[in-house]
Amino acid sequence: METISIQEVLKLEDASHYKFHCARWNGERQPLDVYVEDKNTWFEWNTWRSSKNEFTRKYIFSLIDFYPENNIWLFGGIYEVLDRPNIPNSHSYKIRELTEYSSYVGRLKVYLPKPSRGRAFYLEHHIEQMVVSELLKEPYSGEYFPGYENIDHDFSTLVSIFKNQKSDWKSALSNIKGVYVIFDKFNGKKYVGSAYGEHGIWSRWSCYIGTGHGWNDGLTALISKNGFEYALENFKVTLLEYRPMKTDDKTIFERESFWKQVLLSRGAFGYNKN
């Protein structure tokens, strides 16, 4: 199959006028989740100046690590650098987005083997390797619902999905009861919970998205001490079982108790208190 270079689409005149912003995991957040959750916060990602003055050219060419797929990036825009105040480790770059490329932001997916460590590169060293992977009909708004058996997601990813009220996810999760587990990747502890109310899993998980702890005693103590950021950085959520809404709540409670026993989530190995 014949490939299409990114230059054929964007038609940049001189790549030497651009620094390539390779936006990827910064130790706290995935830029793809940031982009989906809040476009203003994504704009601010491009204003960050580290201890070094990295964006030394007239323009910033931004690609977002599309982490669900290997070596795929999402076009994040082109920005003109208006000022570079000497204020390291802050959002001190003054920039403006070049609107002539805005129609491709969040839609243009690019294939590019991951560059070496770092976030700022000379664009001319990489642009020839950038190939169009896909052009989405609409700007990317979060992962498509993967099916009940494949829900195994970082909490930070679910935050974006729930805050954007992704219709495919909401429809699927509002129509089931079930049992789930929250893993703490920092210490290996687990919390097993269940959802059985009027709006099922969606309603129950929405409470976690809003609080970080869902008002469970063990998790409430943890988040009260460490803050919501702890959930963003360390929690992973997996759906263990799902049942139709007509399922008797007693069955759900019994299955929840079973999984607490299997995963040893009571006591030293977990956050369940009962």
C-alpha atoms as a PDB file:
ATOM      1  CA  MET A   1       0.000   0.000   0.000  1.00  0.00           C
ATOM      2  CA  GLU A   2       1.323   3.423  -0.937  1.00  0.00           C
ATOM      3  CA  THR A   3       2.036   5.640   2.050  1.00  0.00           C
ATOM      4  CA  ILE A   4       1.256   9.343   2.430  1.00  0.00           C
ATOM      5  CA  SER A   5       3.869  11.503   4.109  1.00  0.00           C
ATOM      6  CA  ILE A   6       2.782  14.084   6.633  1.00  0.00           C
ATOM      7  CA  GLN A   7       4.360  16.728   4.421  1.00  0.00           C
ATOM      8  CA  GLU A   8       1.872  15.929   1.660  1.00  0.00           C
ATOM      9  CA  VAL A   9      -0.910  16.866   4.071  1.00  0.00           C
ATOM     10  CA  LEU A  10       0.511  19.779   6.070  1.00  0.00           C
ATOM     11  CA  LYS A  11       2.871  21.201   3.417  1.00  0.00           C
ATOM     12  CA  LEU A  12       5.342  22.858   5.796  1.00  0.00           C
ATOM     13  CA  GLU A  13       7.704  25.168   3.921  1.00  0.00           C
ATOM     14  CA  ASP A  14      10.900  24.730   5.935  1.00  0.00           C
ATOM     15  CA  ALA A  15      11.186  22.135   8.704  1.00  0.00           C
ATOM     16  CA  SER A  16      14.277  23.878  10.095  1.00  0.00           C
ATOM     17  CA  HIS A  17      11.992  26.574  11.534  1.00  0.00           C
ATOM     18  CA  TYR A  18      10.290  24.041  13.824  1.00  0.00           C
ATOM     19  CA  LYS A  19      11.051  22.169  17.011  1.00  0.00           C
ATOM     20  CA  PHE A  20       9.251  18.839  17.274  1.00  0.00           C
ATOM     21  CA  HIS A  21       7.397  18.541  20.599  1.00  0.00           C
ATOM     22  CA  CYS A  22       7.312  14.810  21.330  1.00  0.00           C
ATOM     23  CA  ALA A  23       4.565  14.815  23.964  1.00  0.00           C
ATOM     24  CA  ARG A  24       4.536  11.635  26.027  1.00  0.00           C
ATOM     25  CA  TRP A  25       4.178  10.380  29.609  1.00  0.00           C
ATOM     26  CA  ASN A  26       5.698  12.979  31.937  1.00  0.00           C
ATOM     27  CA  GLY A  27       5.766  10.833  35.053  1.00  0.00           C
ATOM     28  CA  GLU A  28       2.259  11.903  36.062  1.00  0.00           C
ATOM     29  CA  ARG A  29      -0.096  12.043  33.065  1.00  0.00           C
ATOM     30  CA  GLN A  30      -0.442  10.782  29.541  1.00  0.00           C
ATOM     31  CA  PRO A  31      -0.775  13.769  27.190  1.00  0.00           C
ATOM     32  CA  LEU A  32      -3.443  11.901  25.219  1.00  0.00           C
ATOM     33  CA  ASP A  33      -5.615  11.782  28.338  1.00  0.00           C
ATOM     34  CA  VAL A  34      -4.900  15.453  28.973  1.00  0.00           C
ATOM     35  CA  TYR A  35      -5.893  16.371  25.412  1.00  0.00           C
ATOM     36  CA  VAL A  36      -9.172  14.446  25.661  1.00  0.00           C
ATOM     37  CA  GLU A  37     -10.012  15.801  29.104  1.00  0.00           C
ATOM     38  CA  ASP A  38      -9.226  19.502  28.670  1.00  0.00           C
ATOM     39  CA  LYS A  39      -8.019  21.284  25.522  1.00  0.00           C
ATOM     40  CA  ASN A  40      -6.838  24.306  27.526  1.00  0.00           C
ATOM     41  CA  THR A  41      -4.611  22.103  29.654  1.00  0.00           C
ATOM     42  CA  TRP A  42      -3.207  20.522  26.497  1.00  0.00           C
ATOM     43  CA  PHE A  43      -2.407  24.019  25.193  1.00  0.00           C
ATOM     44  CA  GLU A  44      -0.515  24.658  28.442  1.00  0.00           C
ATOM     45  CA  TRP A  45       1.566  21.516  27.903  1.00  0.00           C
ATOM     46  CA  ASN A  46       3.107  23.317  24.946  1.00  0.00           C
ATOM     47  CA  THR A  47       4.014  26.328  27.093  1.00  0.00           C
ATOM     48  CA  TRP A  48       6.084  24.323  29.588  1.00  0.00           C
ATOM     49  CA  ARG A  49       9.725  25.332  29.863  1.00  0.00           C
ATOM     50  CA  SER A  50      11.949  22.871  31.693  1.00  0.00           C
ATOM     51  CA  SER A  51      15.348  23.687  33.161  1.00  0.00           C
ATOM     52  CA  LYS A  52      16.510  24.100  29.553  1.00  0.00           C
ATOM     53  CA  ASN A  53      15.248  26.411  26.832  1.00  0.00           C
ATOM     54  CA  GLU A  54      14.135  23.626  24.465  1.00  0.00           C
ATOM     55  CA  PHE A  55      11.771  25.403  22.088  1.00  0.00           C
ATOM     56  CA  THR A  56      14.367  27.677  20.523  1.00  0.00           C
ATOM     57  CA  ARG A  57      12.827  27.979  17.064  1.00  0.00           C
ATOM     58  CA  LYS A  58       9.950  30.040  15.715  1.00  0.00           C
ATOM     59  CA  TYR A  59       7.433  27.187  15.736  1.00  0.00           C
ATOM     60  CA  ILE A  60       6.500  24.154  17.843  1.00  0.00           C
ATOM     61  CA  PHE A  61       5.241  21.092  15.960  1.00  0.00           C
ATOM     62  CA  SER A  62       3.347  18.910  18.464  1.00  0.00           C
ATOM     63  CA  LEU A  63       2.574  15.213  18.316  1.00  0.00           C
ATOM     64  CA  ILE A  64       0.819  13.373  21.149  1.00  0.00           C
ATOM     65  CA  ASP A  65       1.797   9.807  22.004  1.00  0.00           C
ATOM     66  CA  PHE A  66      -1.260   7.748  21.021  1.00  0.00           C
ATOM     67  CA  TYR A  67      -0.387   5.106  23.586  1.00  0.00           C
ATOM     68  CA  PRO A  68      -3.171   2.589  22.763  1.00  0.00           C
ATOM     69  CA  GLU A  69      -1.253   1.878  19.532  1.00  0.00           C
ATOM     70  CA  ASN A  70       2.496   1.331  19.182  1.00  0.00           C
ATOM     71  CA  ASN A  71       4.448   4.033  17.300  1.00  0.00           C
ATOM     72  CA  ILE A  72       1.287   6.028  16.552  1.00  0.00           C
ATOM     73  CA  TRP A  73       0.964   9.740  17.337  1.00  0.00           C
ATOM     74  CA  LEU A  74      -1.930  12.195  17.276  1.00  0.00           C
ATOM     75  CA  PHE A  75      -1.355  15.596  15.715  1.00  0.00           C
ATOM     76  CA  GLY A  76      -1.553  18.159  18.509  1.00  0.00           C
ATOM     77  CA  GLY A  77      -1.159  21.391  16.571  1.00  0.00           C
ATOM     78  CA  ILE A  78       1.466  23.882  15.442  1.00  0.00           C
ATOM     79  CA  TYR A  79       2.273  26.871  17.626  1.00  0.00           C
ATOM     80  CA  GLU A  80       4.226  30.048  17.093  1.00  0.00           C
ATOM     81  CA  VAL A  81       6.528  30.985  19.974  1.00  0.00           C
ATOM     82  CA  LEU A  82       5.938  34.663  20.728  1.00  0.00           C
ATOM     83  CA  ASP A  83       8.188  35.040  23.768  1.00  0.00           C
ATOM     84  CA  ARG A  84      10.614  32.974  25.843  1.00  0.00           C
ATOM     85  CA  PRO A  85      10.841  34.479  29.340  1.00  0.00           C
ATOM     86  CA  ASN A  86      13.781  33.068  31.266  1.00  0.00           C
ATOM     87  CA  ILE A  87      11.604  31.321  33.850  1.00  0.00           C
ATOM     88  CA  PRO A  88      12.578  27.632  33.986  1.00  0.00           C
ATOM     89  CA  ASN A  89      10.309  24.861  35.247  1.00  0.00           C
ATOM     90  CA  SER A  90       7.148  26.815  34.526  1.00  0.00           C
ATOM     91  CA  HIS A  91       4.552  27.458  31.828  1.00  0.00           C
ATOM     92  CA  SER A  92       6.497  30.467  30.649  1.00  0.00           C
ATOM     93  CA  TYR A  93       6.552  30.149  26.854  1.00  0.00           C
ATOM     94  CA  LYS A  94       4.124  32.555  25.212  1.00  0.00           C
ATOM     95  CA  ILE A  95       2.576  30.867  22.188  1.00  0.00           C
ATOM     96  CA  ARG A  96      -0.330  31.043  19.764  1.00  0.00           C
ATOM     97  CA  GLU A  97      -1.842  28.221  17.731  1.00  0.00           C
ATOM     98  CA  LEU A  98      -1.627  28.423  13.939  1.00  0.00           C
ATOM     99  CA  THR A  99      -5.306  28.025  13.068  1.00  0.00           C
ATOM    100  CA  GLU A 100      -4.657  26.971   9.469  1.00  0.00           C
ATOM    101  CA  TYR A 101      -3.746  23.528  10.850  1.00  0.00           C
ATOM    102  CA  SER A 102      -6.521  23.336  13.463  1.00  0.00           C
ATOM    103  CA  SER A 103      -8.772  21.119  11.341  1.00  0.00           C
ATOM    104  CA  TYR A 104      -6.193  18.322  11.649  1.00  0.00           C
ATOM    105  CA  VAL A 105      -5.692  18.606  15.420  1.00  0.00           C
ATOM    106  CA  GLY A 106      -6.962  15.485  17.165  1.00  0.00           C
ATOM    107  CA  ARG A 107      -7.829  13.868  13.807  1.00  0.00           C
ATOM    108  CA  LEU A 108      -4.532  13.207  12.051  1.00  0.00           C
ATOM    109  CA  LYS A 109      -2.842  10.040  13.306  1.00  0.00           C
ATOM    110  CA  VAL A 110       0.810   9.664  12.374  1.00  0.00           C
ATOM    111  CA  TYR A 111       3.111   6.653  12.274  1.00  0.00           C
ATOM    112  CA  LEU A 112       6.563   7.410  13.670  1.00  0.00           C
ATOM    113  CA  PRO A 113       8.974   5.064  15.468  1.00  0.00           C
ATOM    114  CA  LYS A 114       9.451   6.446  18.959  1.00  0.00           C
ATOM    115  CA  PRO A 115      12.403   8.870  19.132  1.00  0.00           C
ATOM    116  CA  SER A 116      15.044   8.590  21.825  1.00  0.00           C
ATOM    117  CA  ARG A 117      14.368   9.960  25.277  1.00  0.00           C
ATOM    118  CA  GLY A 118      13.464  13.602  25.433  1.00  0.00           C
ATOM    119  CA  ARG A 119      10.643  15.840  24.323  1.00  0.00           C
ATOM    120  CA  ALA A 120      12.145  18.435  21.942  1.00  0.00           C
ATOM    121  CA  PHE A 121      13.866  17.574  18.657  1.00  0.00           C
ATOM    122  CA  TYR A 122      14.818  19.237  15.390  1.00  0.00           C
ATOM    123  CA  LEU A 123      11.854  18.541  13.135  1.00  0.00           C
ATOM    124  CA  GLU A 124      13.964  18.088   9.996  1.00  0.00           C
ATOM    125  CA  HIS A 125      15.566  15.009  11.587  1.00  0.00           C
ATOM    126  CA  HIS A 126      12.199  13.237  11.920  1.00  0.00           C
ATOM    127  CA  ILE A 127       9.660  14.613   9.470  1.00  0.00           C
ATOM    128  CA  GLU A 128      10.679  12.302   6.614  1.00  0.00           C
ATOM    129  CA  GLN A 129       9.789   9.312   8.805  1.00  0.00           C
ATOM    130  CA  MET A 130       6.318  10.665   9.627  1.00  0.00           C
ATOM    131  CA  VAL A 131       3.632   8.838   7.649  1.00  0.00           C
ATOM    132  CA  VAL A 132      -0.133   9.339   7.780  1.00  0.00           C
ATOM    133  CA  SER A 133      -1.731   6.426   9.624  1.00  0.00           C
ATOM    134  CA  GLU A 134      -5.337   7.604   9.635  1.00  0.00           C
ATOM    135  CA  LEU A 135      -7.494  10.718   9.419  1.00  0.00           C
ATOM    136  CA  LEU A 136     -10.377  10.472  11.872  1.00  0.00           C
ATOM    137  CA  LYS A 137     -13.791  11.870  10.953  1.00  0.00           C
ATOM    138  CA  GLU A 138     -13.969  13.720  14.278  1.00  0.00           C
ATOM    139  CA  PRO A 139     -11.315  14.805  16.805  1.00  0.00           C
ATOM    140  CA  TYR A 140     -10.346  11.940  19.084  1.00  0.00           C
ATOM    141  CA  SER A 141     -12.496  11.982  22.225  1.00  0.00           C
ATOM    142  CA  GLY A 142     -11.222   8.958  24.085  1.00  0.00           C
ATOM    143  CA  GLU A 143     -10.957   5.219  23.676  1.00  0.00           C
ATOM    144  CA  TYR A 144     -13.872   3.402  22.087  1.00  0.00           C
ATOM    145  CA  PHE A 145     -15.686   0.982  24.384  1.00  0.00           C
ATOM    146  CA  PRO A 146     -13.610  -2.241  24.133  1.00  0.00           C
ATOM    147  CA  GLY A 147     -16.216  -4.722  25.352  1.00  0.00           C
ATOM    148  CA  TYR A 148     -16.965  -5.809  28.907  1.00  0.00           C
ATOM    149  CA  GLU A 149     -14.287  -8.508  28.935  1.00  0.00           C
ATOM    150  CA  ASN A 150     -11.559  -6.008  28.022  1.00  0.00           C
ATOM    151  CA  ILE A 151     -12.029  -3.332  30.669  1.00  0.00           C
ATOM    152  CA  ASP A 152      -8.625  -3.127  32.347  1.00  0.00           C
ATOM    153  CA  HIS A 153      -7.816   0.576  32.418  1.00  0.00           C
ATOM    154  CA  ASP A 154      -5.767   3.087  34.333  1.00  0.00           C
ATOM    155  CA  PHE A 155      -7.899   5.374  36.463  1.00  0.00           C
ATOM    156  CA  SER A 156      -6.561   8.423  34.607  1.00  0.00           C
ATOM    157  CA  THR A 157      -7.901   7.031  31.318  1.00  0.00           C
ATOM    158  CA  LEU A 158     -11.336   6.461  32.827  1.00  0.00           C
ATOM    159  CA  VAL A 159     -11.404  10.026  34.146  1.00  0.00           C
ATOM    160  CA  SER A 160     -11.254  11.349  30.583  1.00  0.00           C
ATOM    161  CA  ILE A 161     -13.929   8.906  29.408  1.00  0.00           C
ATOM    162  CA  PHE A 162     -16.348   9.717  32.215  1.00  0.00           C
ATOM    163  CA  LYS A 163     -15.839  13.481  32.188  1.00  0.00           C
ATOM    164  CA  ASN A 164     -16.535  13.511  28.456  1.00  0.00           C
ATOM    165  CA  GLN A 165     -19.606  11.315  28.960  1.00  0.00           C
ATOM    166  CA  LYS A 166     -18.499   8.998  26.145  1.00  0.00           C
ATOM    167  CA  SER A 167     -21.818   7.713  24.839  1.00  0.00           C
ATOM    168  CA  ASP A 168     -20.633   4.207  23.903  1.00  0.00           C
ATOM    169  CA  TRP A 169     -19.139   3.653  27.353  1.00  0.00           C
ATOM    170  CA  LYS A 170     -22.083   5.231  29.180  1.00  0.00           C
ATOM    171  CA  SER A 171     -24.665   3.195  27.313  1.00  0.00           C
ATOM    172  CA  ALA A 172     -22.807  -0.077  27.913  1.00  0.00           C
ATOM    173  CA  LEU A 173     -21.976   0.483  31.583  1.00  0.00           C
ATOM    174  CA  SER A 174     -25.369   1.932  32.537  1.00  0.00           C
ATOM    175  CA  ASN A 175     -27.081  -1.320  31.602  1.00  0.00           C
ATOM    176  CA  ILE A 176     -25.175  -3.838  33.701  1.00  0.00           C
ATOM    177  CA  LYS A 177     -24.577  -4.719  37.306  1.00  0.00           C
ATOM    178  CA  GLY A 178     -21.243  -6.225  38.221  1.00  0.00           C
ATOM    179  CA  VAL A 179     -18.169  -6.781  40.336  1.00  0.00           C
ATOM    180  CA  TYR A 180     -14.911  -4.899  39.819  1.00  0.00           C
ATOM    181  CA  VAL A 181     -11.468  -4.579  41.346  1.00  0.00           C
ATOM    182  CA  ILE A 182      -9.315  -1.496  41.821  1.00  0.00           C
ATOM    183  CA  PHE A 183      -5.596  -2.279  41.898  1.00  0.00           C
ATOM    184  CA  ASP A 184      -3.112   0.004  43.611  1.00  0.00           C
ATOM    185  CA  LYS A 185      -0.005  -0.271  41.432  1.00  0.00           C
ATOM    186  CA  PHE A 186       2.150   1.384  44.096  1.00  0.00           C
ATOM    187  CA  ASN A 187       1.778  -1.324  46.742  1.00  0.00           C
ATOM    188  CA  GLY A 188      -0.166  -4.133  45.062  1.00  0.00           C
ATOM    189  CA  LYS A 189      -3.236  -3.827  47.280  1.00  0.00           C
ATOM    190  CA  LYS A 190      -6.732  -4.405  45.898  1.00  0.00           C
ATOM    191  CA  TYR A 191     -10.238  -3.153  46.509  1.00  0.00           C
ATOM    192  CA  VAL A 192     -13.162  -5.294  45.337  1.00  0.00           C
ATOM    193  CA  GLY A 193     -16.511  -3.588  44.878  1.00  0.00           C
ATOM    194  CA  SER A 194     -19.866  -4.102  43.228  1.00  0.00           C
ATOM    195  CA  ALA A 195     -22.483  -2.062  41.394  1.00  0.00           C
ATOM    196  CA  TYR A 196     -26.161  -2.867  41.573  1.00  0.00           C
ATOM    197  CA  GLY A 197     -28.063   0.434  41.504  1.00  0.00           C
ATOM    198  CA  GLU A 198     -30.393   1.968  38.944  1.00  0.00           C
ATOM    199  CA  HIS A 199     -27.607   2.984  36.556  1.00  0.00           C
ATOM    200  CA  GLY A 200     -25.251   0.106  37.241  1.00  0.00           C
ATOM    201  CA  ILE A 201     -21.509   0.276  36.759  1.00  0.00           C
ATOM    202  CA  TRP A 202     -21.571   3.733  35.156  1.00  0.00           C
ATOM    203  CA  SER A 203     -23.171   5.359  38.193  1.00  0.00           C
ATOM    204  CA  ARG A 204     -20.904   3.593  40.680  1.00  0.00           C
ATOM    205  CA  TRP A 205     -17.698   4.361  38.818  1.00  0.00           C
ATOM    206  CA  SER A 206     -18.761   7.982  38.324  1.00  0.00           C
ATOM    207  CA  CYS A 207     -18.521   8.335  42.086  1.00  0.00           C
ATOM    208  CA  TYR A 208     -14.895   7.167  41.985  1.00  0.00           C
ATOM    209  CA  ILE A 209     -14.136   9.599  39.168  1.00  0.00           C
ATOM    210  CA  GLY A 210     -15.485  12.459  41.254  1.00  0.00           C
ATOM    211  CA  THR A 211     -13.856  11.539  44.552  1.00  0.00           C
ATOM    212  CA  GLY A 212     -10.992   9.128  43.873  1.00  0.00           C
ATOM    213  CA  HIS A 213     -12.319   6.812  46.582  1.00  0.00           C
ATOM    214  CA  GLY A 214     -16.047   6.214  46.033  1.00  0.00           C
ATOM    215  CA  TRP A 215     -16.625   6.704  49.790  1.00  0.00           C
ATOM    216  CA  ASN A 216     -15.183   3.294  50.602  1.00  0.00           C
ATOM    217  CA  ASP A 217     -13.568   3.456  54.035  1.00  0.00           C
ATOM    218  CA  GLY A 218     -10.170   2.034  53.080  1.00  0.00           C
ATOM    219  CA  LEU A 219      -9.825   4.097  49.907  1.00  0.00           C
ATOM    220  CA  THR A 220     -11.212   7.232  51.567  1.00  0.00           C
ATOM    221  CA  ALA A 221      -8.448   7.110  54.180  1.00  0.00           C
ATOM    222  CA  LEU A 222      -5.833   6.609  51.453  1.00  0.00           C
ATOM    223  CA  ILE A 223      -7.013   9.479  49.232  1.00  0.00           C
ATOM    224  CA  SER A 224      -7.609  11.810  52.184  1.00  0.00           C
ATOM    225  CA  LYS A 225      -3.951  11.357  53.089  1.00  0.00           C
ATOM    226  CA  ASN A 226      -2.392  11.399  49.595  1.00  0.00           C
ATOM    227  CA  GLY A 227      -4.826  13.397  47.466  1.00  0.00           C
ATOM    228  CA  PHE A 228      -6.720  12.716  44.234  1.00  0.00           C
ATOM    229  CA  GLU A 229      -3.421  12.616  42.324  1.00  0.00           C
ATOM    230  CA  TYR A 230      -2.645   9.318  44.047  1.00  0.00           C
ATOM    231  CA  ALA A 231      -5.623   7.716  42.305  1.00  0.00           C
ATOM    232  CA  LEU A 232      -4.603   9.206  38.958  1.00  0.00           C
ATOM    233  CA  GLU A 233      -1.071   7.882  39.260  1.00  0.00           C
ATOM    234  CA  ASN A 234      -1.648   4.487  40.862  1.00  0.00           C
ATOM    235  CA  PHE A 235      -5.149   3.070  40.400  1.00  0.00           C
ATOM    236  CA  LYS A 236      -6.094   0.548  37.729  1.00  0.00           C
ATOM    237  CA  VAL A 237      -9.687  -0.667  37.308  1.00  0.00           C
ATOM    238  CA  THR A 238     -10.800  -4.068  36.014  1.00  0.00           C
ATOM    239  CA  LEU A 239     -14.328  -5.398  35.539  1.00  0.00           C
ATOM    240  CA  LEU A 240     -14.382  -8.925  36.976  1.00  0.00           C
ATOM    241  CA  GLU A 241     -17.979  -9.916  36.260  1.00  0.00           C
ATOM    242  CA  TYR A 242     -20.998  -8.325  34.620  1.00  0.00           C
ATOM    243  CA  ARG A 243     -24.659  -9.321  34.802  1.00  0.00           C
ATOM    244  CA  PRO A 244     -27.957  -8.032  33.329  1.00  0.00           C
ATOM    245  CA  MET A 245     -29.808  -5.371  35.314  1.00  0.00           C
ATOM    246  CA  LYS A 246     -32.559  -7.901  36.117  1.00  0.00           C
ATOM    247  CA  THR A 247     -30.067  -9.943  38.184  1.00  0.00           C
ATOM    248  CA  ASP A 248     -31.020 -10.103  41.851  1.00  0.00           C
ATOM    249  CA  ASP A 249     -28.798  -7.896  44.023  1.00  0.00           C
ATOM    250  CA  LYS A 250     -28.184 -10.836  46.372  1.00  0.00           C
ATOM    251  CA  THR A 251     -26.351 -12.624  43.548  1.00  0.00           C
ATOM    252  CA  ILE A 252     -24.106  -9.603  43.014  1.00  0.00           C
ATOM    253  CA  PHE A 253     -23.286  -9.417  46.734  1.00  0.00           C
ATOM    254  CA  GLU A 254     -22.390 -13.111  46.779  1.00  0.00           C
ATOM    255  CA  ARG A 255     -20.081 -12.743  43.778  1.00  0.00           C
ATOM    256  CA  GLU A 256     -18.453  -9.695  45.363  1.00  0.00           C
ATOM    257  CA  SER A 257     -17.752 -11.700  48.516  1.00  0.00           C
ATOM    258  CA  PHE A 258     -16.315 -14.526  46.402  1.00  0.00           C
ATOM    259  CA  TRP A 259     -13.838 -12.210  44.676  1.00  0.00           C
ATOM    260  CA  LYS A 260     -12.802 -10.604  47.960  1.00  0.00           C
ATOM    261  CA  GLN A 261     -11.862 -14.074  49.154  1.00  0.00           C
ATOM    262  CA  VAL A 262     -10.081 -15.034  45.921  1.00  0.00           C
ATOM    263  CA  LEU A 263      -8.039 -11.820  45.706  1.00  0.00           C
ATOM    264  CA  LEU A 264      -7.365 -11.591  49.462  1.00  0.00           C
ATOM    265  CA  SER A 265      -8.587  -8.009  49.414  1.00  0.00           C
ATOM    266  CA  ARG A 266      -9.505  -8.011  53.094  1.00  0.00           C
ATOM    267  CA  GLY A 267      -6.790  -7.318  55.630  1.00  0.00           C
ATOM    268  CA  ALA A 268      -3.107  -6.814  54.807  1.00  0.00           C
ATOM    269  CA  PHE A 269      -3.446  -7.419  51.062  1.00  0.00           C
ATOM    270  CA  GLY A 270      -6.277  -5.034  50.303  1.00  0.00           C
ATOM    271  CA  TYR A 271      -8.484  -2.100  51.180  1.00  0.00           C
ATOM    272  CA  ASN A 272     -11.746  -3.941  51.863  1.00  0.00           C
ATOM    273  CA  LYS A 273     -12.914  -3.597  55.450  1.00  0.00           C
ATOM    274  CA  ASN A 274     -15.638  -6.252  55.322  1.00  0.00           C
END
